[in-house]
Amino acid sequence: MGIRKLRNDIGKKIKNLRLDKNLSQEKLAECVNLSREHISCLERGKNSVNLETLYNLAKFFEISIKDFF
């Protein structure tokens, strides 16, 4: 699996989790202390997610970090 596919897969997972909770990118960003722009880039696979952000997202969505993979 290449890094680009991994970024895209994680981004899709973030987006699906966000939509399942009926959250806007702005509201999710506020909840996990990120900018809306960064959430957008993560969801589109444009930015790599760092471990701290992945941890905070997993905690917010009440899932394990491994669920992103």
Protein backbone atom coordinates (compact mmCIF):
# COMPACT_ATOMS: atom_id res chain seq x y z
CA MET A 1 0.00 0.00 0.00
CA GLY A 2 1.44 3.35 -1.01
CA ILE A 3 1.44 6.45 1.16
CA ARG A 4 -1.00 8.24 -1.16
CA LYS A 5 -3.54 5.42 -0.88
CA LEU A 6 -3.08 5.32 2.89
CA ARG A 7 -3.70 9.10 3.16
CA ASN A 8 -6.81 8.76 0.97
CA ASP A 9 -8.16 5.79 2.94
CA ILE A 10 -7.69 7.54 6.28
CA GLY A 11 -9.25 10.70 4.86
CA LYS A 12 -12.31 8.80 3.67
CA LYS A 13 -12.66 7.19 7.10
CA ILE A 14 -12.50 10.60 8.81
CA LYS A 15 -15.11 11.99 6.44
CA ASN A 16 -17.44 9.01 6.90
CA LEU A 17 -17.15 9.21 10.69
CA ARG A 18 -17.85 12.94 10.57
CA LEU A 19 -20.88 12.52 8.34
CA ASP A 20 -22.21 9.66 10.50
CA LYS A 21 -22.31 12.15 13.38
CA ASN A 22 -23.86 14.85 11.16
CA LEU A 23 -20.97 17.20 11.82
CA SER A 24 -19.66 19.95 9.59
CA GLN A 25 -15.93 20.16 8.99
CA GLU A 26 -15.96 23.33 11.04
CA LYS A 27 -17.63 21.67 14.04
CA LEU A 28 -15.28 18.67 13.94
CA ALA A 29 -12.31 21.01 13.69
CA GLU A 30 -13.51 22.89 16.75
CA CYS A 31 -13.97 19.65 18.71
CA VAL A 32 -10.46 18.37 18.00
CA ASN A 33 -8.69 21.75 18.02
CA LEU A 34 -7.79 21.88 14.32
CA SER A 35 -8.67 24.28 11.53
CA ARG A 36 -11.50 23.52 9.12
CA GLU A 37 -8.96 23.76 6.30
CA HIS A 38 -6.81 21.06 7.89
CA ILE A 39 -9.82 18.74 8.29
CA SER A 40 -10.65 19.33 4.63
CA CYS A 41 -7.09 18.48 3.55
CA LEU A 42 -7.07 15.34 5.69
CA GLU A 43 -10.38 14.17 4.26
CA ARG A 44 -9.15 14.71 0.70
CA GLY A 45 -5.86 12.94 1.38
CA LYS A 46 -3.86 16.10 0.74
CA ASN A 47 -2.18 16.11 4.17
CA SER A 48 -0.73 13.24 6.15
CA VAL A 49 -2.25 12.84 9.58
CA ASN A 50 0.18 12.87 12.50
CA LEU A 51 -0.10 10.54 15.45
CA GLU A 52 -1.42 13.18 17.85
CA THR A 53 -4.21 14.17 15.46
CA LEU A 54 -5.08 10.54 14.80
CA TYR A 55 -5.23 9.93 18.56
CA ASN A 56 -7.49 12.96 19.11
CA LEU A 57 -9.80 11.95 16.26
CA ALA A 58 -10.02 8.37 17.54
CA LYS A 59 -10.79 9.62 21.04
CA PHE A 60 -13.45 12.00 19.74
CA PHE A 61 -15.12 9.31 17.60
CA GLU A 62 -14.72 6.73 20.38
CA ILE A 63 -12.83 4.27 18.19
CA SER A 64 -9.38 2.72 18.25
CA ILE A 65 -6.57 4.24 16.18
CA LYS A 66 -6.33 0.90 14.36
CA ASP A 67 -9.88 1.47 13.04
CA PHE A 68 -8.45 4.08 10.68
CA PHE A 69 -6.44 1.40 8.88
